């Protein structure tokens, strides 16, 4: 069976972040609410394989996924803000960096991430 929005851990986080990059270049947030952005981006989190994450990150990843899906799919209805958008982007980046660190991959937060 083929996945419609991707399946994996880092792969799905990367797909989620790719929506932020598209948004940054298009200025989309000026024209639509952040809920629409979360709706498209959070689709990639439905098959986020949290069980394959380092054990100490699993609860944090679950909170990230749950919050993003709530913003994007309205269960219950929640209005997303620019701060929610910024938090989600930074949290996805931080999680990717922490996964690298747990796998003993040298990692450092960049000044221009």
N, C-alpha and C. Protein backbone atom coordinates (compact mmCIF):
# COMPACT_ATOMS: atom_id res chain seq x y z
N UNK A 1 0.84 -1.18 0.00
CA UNK A 1 0.00 0.00 0.00
C UNK A 1 0.89 1.24 0.00
N UNK A 2 0.57 2.19 -0.83
CA UNK A 2 1.33 3.41 -0.95
C UNK A 2 0.72 4.49 -0.05
N UNK A 3 1.56 5.26 0.60
CA UNK A 3 1.09 6.32 1.48
C UNK A 3 0.78 7.59 0.68
N UNK A 4 -0.31 8.22 1.01
CA UNK A 4 -0.68 9.45 0.31
C UNK A 4 0.17 10.65 0.75
N UNK A 5 0.49 10.73 2.05
CA UNK A 5 1.20 11.89 2.57
C UNK A 5 2.55 11.55 3.18
N UNK A 6 3.00 10.32 3.00
CA UNK A 6 4.30 9.91 3.52
C UNK A 6 4.18 9.17 4.84
N UNK A 7 5.16 8.34 5.09
CA UNK A 7 5.22 7.57 6.32
C UNK A 7 6.68 7.53 6.75
N UNK A 8 6.92 7.73 8.01
CA UNK A 8 8.28 7.72 8.53
C UNK A 8 8.38 8.64 9.73
N UNK A 9 9.60 8.93 10.10
CA UNK A 9 9.85 9.82 11.23
C UNK A 9 10.45 11.12 10.70
N UNK A 10 11.72 11.09 10.38
CA UNK A 10 12.37 12.30 9.86
C UNK A 10 11.80 12.72 8.51
N UNK A 11 11.44 11.73 7.70
CA UNK A 11 10.86 12.04 6.39
C UNK A 11 9.59 12.87 6.55
N UNK A 12 8.69 12.47 7.44
CA UNK A 12 7.44 13.20 7.64
C UNK A 12 7.67 14.58 8.26
N UNK A 13 8.63 14.68 9.16
CA UNK A 13 8.97 15.99 9.71
C UNK A 13 9.51 16.90 8.61
N UNK A 14 10.30 16.33 7.70
CA UNK A 14 10.82 17.10 6.57
C UNK A 14 9.72 17.57 5.64
N UNK A 15 8.76 16.70 5.38
CA UNK A 15 7.63 17.10 4.52
C UNK A 15 6.81 18.20 5.19
N UNK A 16 6.61 18.08 6.49
CA UNK A 16 5.91 19.12 7.25
C UNK A 16 6.63 20.46 7.08
N UNK A 17 7.95 20.45 7.26
CA UNK A 17 8.74 21.68 7.15
C UNK A 17 8.76 22.24 5.72
N UNK A 18 8.64 21.38 4.74
CA UNK A 18 8.64 21.87 3.36
C UNK A 18 7.46 22.81 3.10
N UNK A 19 6.38 22.61 3.82
CA UNK A 19 5.24 23.52 3.69
C UNK A 19 5.58 24.92 4.22
N UNK A 20 6.40 24.98 5.24
CA UNK A 20 6.80 26.28 5.78
C UNK A 20 7.67 27.02 4.78
N UNK A 21 8.53 26.30 4.10
CA UNK A 21 9.40 26.93 3.11
C UNK A 21 8.57 27.48 1.95
N UNK A 22 7.61 26.71 1.50
CA UNK A 22 6.72 27.20 0.43
C UNK A 22 5.96 28.43 0.90
N UNK A 23 5.50 28.40 2.15
CA UNK A 23 4.75 29.52 2.70
C UNK A 23 5.63 30.77 2.79
N UNK A 24 6.87 30.59 3.19
CA UNK A 24 7.80 31.72 3.34
C UNK A 24 8.03 32.42 2.02
N UNK A 25 8.12 31.65 0.95
CA UNK A 25 8.38 32.24 -0.36
C UNK A 25 7.13 32.82 -1.01
N UNK A 26 5.98 32.31 -0.66
CA UNK A 26 4.76 32.78 -1.31
C UNK A 26 4.05 33.88 -0.53
N UNK A 27 4.41 34.05 0.75
CA UNK A 27 3.71 35.03 1.58
C UNK A 27 2.26 34.63 1.83
N UNK A 28 1.99 33.34 1.78
CA UNK A 28 0.63 32.82 1.88
C UNK A 28 -0.10 33.27 3.14
N UNK A 29 0.65 33.45 4.24
CA UNK A 29 -0.03 33.79 5.49
C UNK A 29 -0.76 35.14 5.42
N UNK A 30 -0.41 35.97 4.45
CA UNK A 30 -1.11 37.24 4.29
C UNK A 30 -2.52 37.05 3.74
N UNK A 31 -2.75 35.90 3.08
CA UNK A 31 -4.00 35.71 2.36
C UNK A 31 -4.92 34.67 2.98
N UNK A 32 -4.38 33.76 3.75
CA UNK A 32 -5.20 32.71 4.36
C UNK A 32 -4.83 32.56 5.82
N UNK A 33 -5.73 32.00 6.59
CA UNK A 33 -5.44 31.76 7.99
C UNK A 33 -4.42 30.65 8.16
N UNK A 34 -3.81 30.62 9.31
CA UNK A 34 -2.82 29.58 9.58
C UNK A 34 -3.45 28.20 9.68
N UNK A 35 -4.76 28.14 9.94
CA UNK A 35 -5.42 26.84 9.99
C UNK A 35 -5.30 26.12 8.65
N UNK A 36 -5.40 26.87 7.55
CA UNK A 36 -5.27 26.26 6.23
C UNK A 36 -3.86 25.72 6.03
N UNK A 37 -2.87 26.48 6.47
CA UNK A 37 -1.49 26.00 6.37
C UNK A 37 -1.32 24.74 7.22
N UNK A 38 -1.79 24.77 8.46
CA UNK A 38 -1.69 23.60 9.32
C UNK A 38 -2.45 22.41 8.72
N UNK A 39 -3.55 22.67 8.05
CA UNK A 39 -4.33 21.60 7.44
C UNK A 39 -3.48 20.84 6.42
N UNK A 40 -2.79 21.55 5.57
CA UNK A 40 -1.96 20.91 4.54
C UNK A 40 -0.70 20.29 5.15
N UNK A 41 -0.03 21.03 6.02
CA UNK A 41 1.24 20.55 6.58
C UNK A 41 1.04 19.38 7.52
N UNK A 42 0.00 19.43 8.33
CA UNK A 42 -0.18 18.37 9.33
C UNK A 42 -0.64 17.04 8.72
N UNK A 43 -1.09 17.05 7.47
CA UNK A 43 -1.40 15.78 6.81
C UNK A 43 -0.20 14.84 6.85
N UNK A 44 1.00 15.39 6.81
CA UNK A 44 2.23 14.59 6.81
C UNK A 44 2.53 14.00 8.18
N UNK A 45 1.78 14.39 9.20
CA UNK A 45 2.03 13.90 10.56
C UNK A 45 1.13 12.73 10.95
N UNK A 46 0.13 12.43 10.13
CA UNK A 46 -0.76 11.31 10.47
C UNK A 46 0.01 9.99 10.56
N UNK A 47 0.97 9.78 9.68
CA UNK A 47 1.76 8.54 9.69
C UNK A 47 3.17 8.78 10.22
N UNK A 48 3.32 9.76 11.10
CA UNK A 48 4.58 10.00 11.77
C UNK A 48 4.86 8.82 12.70
N UNK A 49 5.93 8.12 12.47
CA UNK A 49 6.24 6.89 13.19
C UNK A 49 6.94 7.20 14.51
N UNK A 50 6.16 7.68 15.47
CA UNK A 50 6.68 8.11 16.76
C UNK A 50 7.38 6.97 17.50
N UNK A 51 6.90 5.76 17.36
CA UNK A 51 7.51 4.62 18.06
C UNK A 51 8.95 4.36 17.62
N UNK A 52 9.34 4.87 16.47
CA UNK A 52 10.72 4.68 16.01
C UNK A 52 11.64 5.80 16.49
N UNK A 53 11.08 6.80 17.16
CA UNK A 53 11.88 7.91 17.69
C UNK A 53 12.62 7.45 18.95
N UNK A 54 13.71 8.15 19.28
CA UNK A 54 14.36 7.85 20.57
C UNK A 54 13.32 7.95 21.68
N UNK A 55 13.38 7.03 22.61
CA UNK A 55 12.34 6.90 23.64
C UNK A 55 12.08 8.21 24.38
N UNK A 56 13.13 8.96 24.69
CA UNK A 56 12.95 10.19 25.47
C UNK A 56 12.27 11.31 24.68
N UNK A 57 12.08 11.14 23.36
CA UNK A 57 11.43 12.17 22.55
C UNK A 57 10.00 11.82 22.17
N UNK A 58 9.55 10.63 22.47
CA UNK A 58 8.25 10.16 21.98
C UNK A 58 7.07 10.99 22.50
N UNK A 59 7.05 11.33 23.77
CA UNK A 59 5.93 12.13 24.30
C UNK A 59 5.94 13.53 23.68
N UNK A 60 7.11 14.10 23.54
CA UNK A 60 7.22 15.43 22.94
C UNK A 60 6.75 15.39 21.48
N UNK A 61 7.13 14.36 20.76
CA UNK A 61 6.70 14.23 19.37
C UNK A 61 5.19 14.02 19.28
N UNK A 62 4.64 13.26 20.19
CA UNK A 62 3.20 13.04 20.19
C UNK A 62 2.45 14.35 20.46
N UNK A 63 2.95 15.15 21.41
CA UNK A 63 2.33 16.45 21.68
C UNK A 63 2.40 17.36 20.45
N UNK A 64 3.56 17.36 19.78
CA UNK A 64 3.75 18.15 18.57
C UNK A 64 2.73 17.74 17.50
N UNK A 65 2.66 16.45 17.23
CA UNK A 65 1.74 15.94 16.21
C UNK A 65 0.29 16.29 16.57
N UNK A 66 -0.10 16.01 17.80
CA UNK A 66 -1.48 16.25 18.23
C UNK A 66 -1.85 17.73 18.09
N UNK A 67 -0.99 18.60 18.56
CA UNK A 67 -1.28 20.04 18.51
C UNK A 67 -1.40 20.52 17.06
N UNK A 68 -0.50 20.08 16.20
CA UNK A 68 -0.53 20.51 14.79
C UNK A 68 -1.79 19.99 14.08
N UNK A 69 -2.18 18.76 14.37
CA UNK A 69 -3.38 18.21 13.75
C UNK A 69 -4.63 18.93 14.25
N UNK A 70 -4.65 19.28 15.52
CA UNK A 70 -5.78 20.04 16.06
C UNK A 70 -5.89 21.39 15.35
N UNK A 71 -4.76 22.08 15.17
CA UNK A 71 -4.79 23.36 14.47
C UNK A 71 -5.27 23.20 13.03
N UNK A 72 -4.88 22.13 12.38
CA UNK A 72 -5.18 21.98 10.97
C UNK A 72 -6.50 21.31 10.65
N UNK A 73 -7.00 20.53 11.57
CA UNK A 73 -8.18 19.75 11.24
C UNK A 73 -9.34 20.01 12.19
N UNK A 74 -9.15 20.93 13.14
CA UNK A 74 -10.25 21.42 13.96
C UNK A 74 -10.93 20.43 14.87
N UNK A 75 -10.16 19.57 15.50
CA UNK A 75 -10.75 18.60 16.45
C UNK A 75 -10.27 18.89 17.85
N UNK A 76 -10.81 19.71 18.65
CA UNK A 76 -11.91 20.64 18.38
C UNK A 76 -11.40 21.86 17.64
N UNK A 77 -12.30 22.75 17.24
CA UNK A 77 -11.90 23.93 16.47
C UNK A 77 -10.93 24.77 17.29
N UNK A 78 -9.81 25.09 16.71
CA UNK A 78 -8.78 25.89 17.38
C UNK A 78 -8.24 26.86 16.35
N UNK A 79 -8.14 28.11 16.70
CA UNK A 79 -7.61 29.12 15.80
C UNK A 79 -6.10 29.23 15.98
N UNK A 80 -5.38 28.99 14.91
CA UNK A 80 -3.91 29.06 14.94
C UNK A 80 -3.45 30.50 14.71
N UNK A 81 -2.37 30.86 15.34
CA UNK A 81 -1.81 32.21 15.24
C UNK A 81 -0.41 32.14 14.63
N UNK A 82 0.15 33.30 14.37
CA UNK A 82 1.53 33.37 13.90
C UNK A 82 2.47 32.74 14.92
N UNK A 83 2.20 32.92 16.21
CA UNK A 83 3.03 32.28 17.24
C UNK A 83 2.94 30.76 17.19
N UNK A 84 1.74 30.23 16.92
CA UNK A 84 1.58 28.77 16.79
C UNK A 84 2.37 28.26 15.59
N UNK A 85 2.29 28.99 14.50
CA UNK A 85 3.04 28.64 13.28
C UNK A 85 4.54 28.63 13.58
N UNK A 86 5.04 29.70 14.21
CA UNK A 86 6.46 29.79 14.53
C UNK A 86 6.88 28.66 15.49
N UNK A 87 6.03 28.36 16.48
CA UNK A 87 6.34 27.27 17.41
C UNK A 87 6.47 25.95 16.67
N UNK A 88 5.51 25.65 15.79
CA UNK A 88 5.50 24.37 15.08
C UNK A 88 6.73 24.20 14.21
N UNK A 89 7.13 25.25 13.53
CA UNK A 89 8.31 25.18 12.67
C UNK A 89 9.55 24.94 13.53
N UNK A 90 9.70 25.71 14.60
CA UNK A 90 10.88 25.55 15.46
C UNK A 90 10.89 24.18 16.13
N UNK A 91 9.73 23.72 16.57
CA UNK A 91 9.64 22.42 17.23
C UNK A 91 10.04 21.29 16.28
N UNK A 92 9.59 21.35 15.03
CA UNK A 92 9.98 20.33 14.05
C UNK A 92 11.49 20.34 13.83
N UNK A 93 12.08 21.52 13.71
CA UNK A 93 13.53 21.63 13.54
C UNK A 93 14.26 21.08 14.76
N UNK A 94 13.79 21.46 15.94
CA UNK A 94 14.43 20.99 17.17
C UNK A 94 14.34 19.47 17.30
N UNK A 95 13.19 18.90 16.95
CA UNK A 95 13.04 17.45 17.02
C UNK A 95 14.00 16.75 16.06
N UNK A 96 14.14 17.27 14.87
CA UNK A 96 15.09 16.67 13.92
C UNK A 96 16.52 16.73 14.46
N UNK A 97 16.88 17.86 15.04
CA UNK A 97 18.21 18.02 15.60
C UNK A 97 18.42 17.04 16.77
N UNK A 98 17.40 16.88 17.62
CA UNK A 98 17.51 15.98 18.77
C UNK A 98 17.56 14.50 18.34
N UNK A 99 16.91 14.17 17.25
CA UNK A 99 17.01 12.81 16.71
C UNK A 99 18.43 12.55 16.25
N UNK A 100 19.02 13.51 15.54
CA UNK A 100 20.43 13.38 15.15
C UNK A 100 21.31 13.18 16.37
N UNK A 101 21.11 14.03 17.37
CA UNK A 101 21.93 13.95 18.58
C UNK A 101 21.80 12.58 19.24
N UNK A 102 20.57 12.05 19.32
CA UNK A 102 20.35 10.73 19.91
C UNK A 102 21.04 9.63 19.12
N UNK A 103 21.18 9.85 17.82
CA UNK A 103 21.87 8.90 16.95
C UNK A 103 23.36 9.19 16.83
N UNK A 104 23.84 10.07 17.71
CA UNK A 104 25.26 10.44 17.79
C UNK A 104 25.79 11.07 16.50
N UNK A 105 24.91 11.78 15.81
CA UNK A 105 25.31 12.55 14.64
C UNK A 105 25.64 13.95 15.14
N UNK A 106 26.87 14.42 14.89
CA UNK A 106 27.20 15.77 15.34
C UNK A 106 26.20 16.78 14.77
N UNK A 107 25.64 17.58 15.65
CA UNK A 107 24.62 18.53 15.23
C UNK A 107 24.79 19.83 15.99
N UNK A 108 24.44 20.89 15.34
CA UNK A 108 24.52 22.22 15.94
C UNK A 108 23.48 23.10 15.29
N UNK A 109 22.75 23.85 16.09
CA UNK A 109 21.74 24.75 15.55
C UNK A 109 22.45 25.88 14.78
N UNK A 110 21.99 26.11 13.56
CA UNK A 110 22.62 27.13 12.73
C UNK A 110 22.09 28.52 13.02
N UNK A 111 22.92 29.51 12.79
CA UNK A 111 22.49 30.90 12.96
C UNK A 111 21.40 31.26 11.95
N UNK A 112 21.47 30.66 10.78
CA UNK A 112 20.53 30.99 9.70
C UNK A 112 19.69 29.76 9.33
N UNK A 113 19.08 29.13 10.32
CA UNK A 113 18.32 27.91 10.01
C UNK A 113 17.04 28.16 9.32
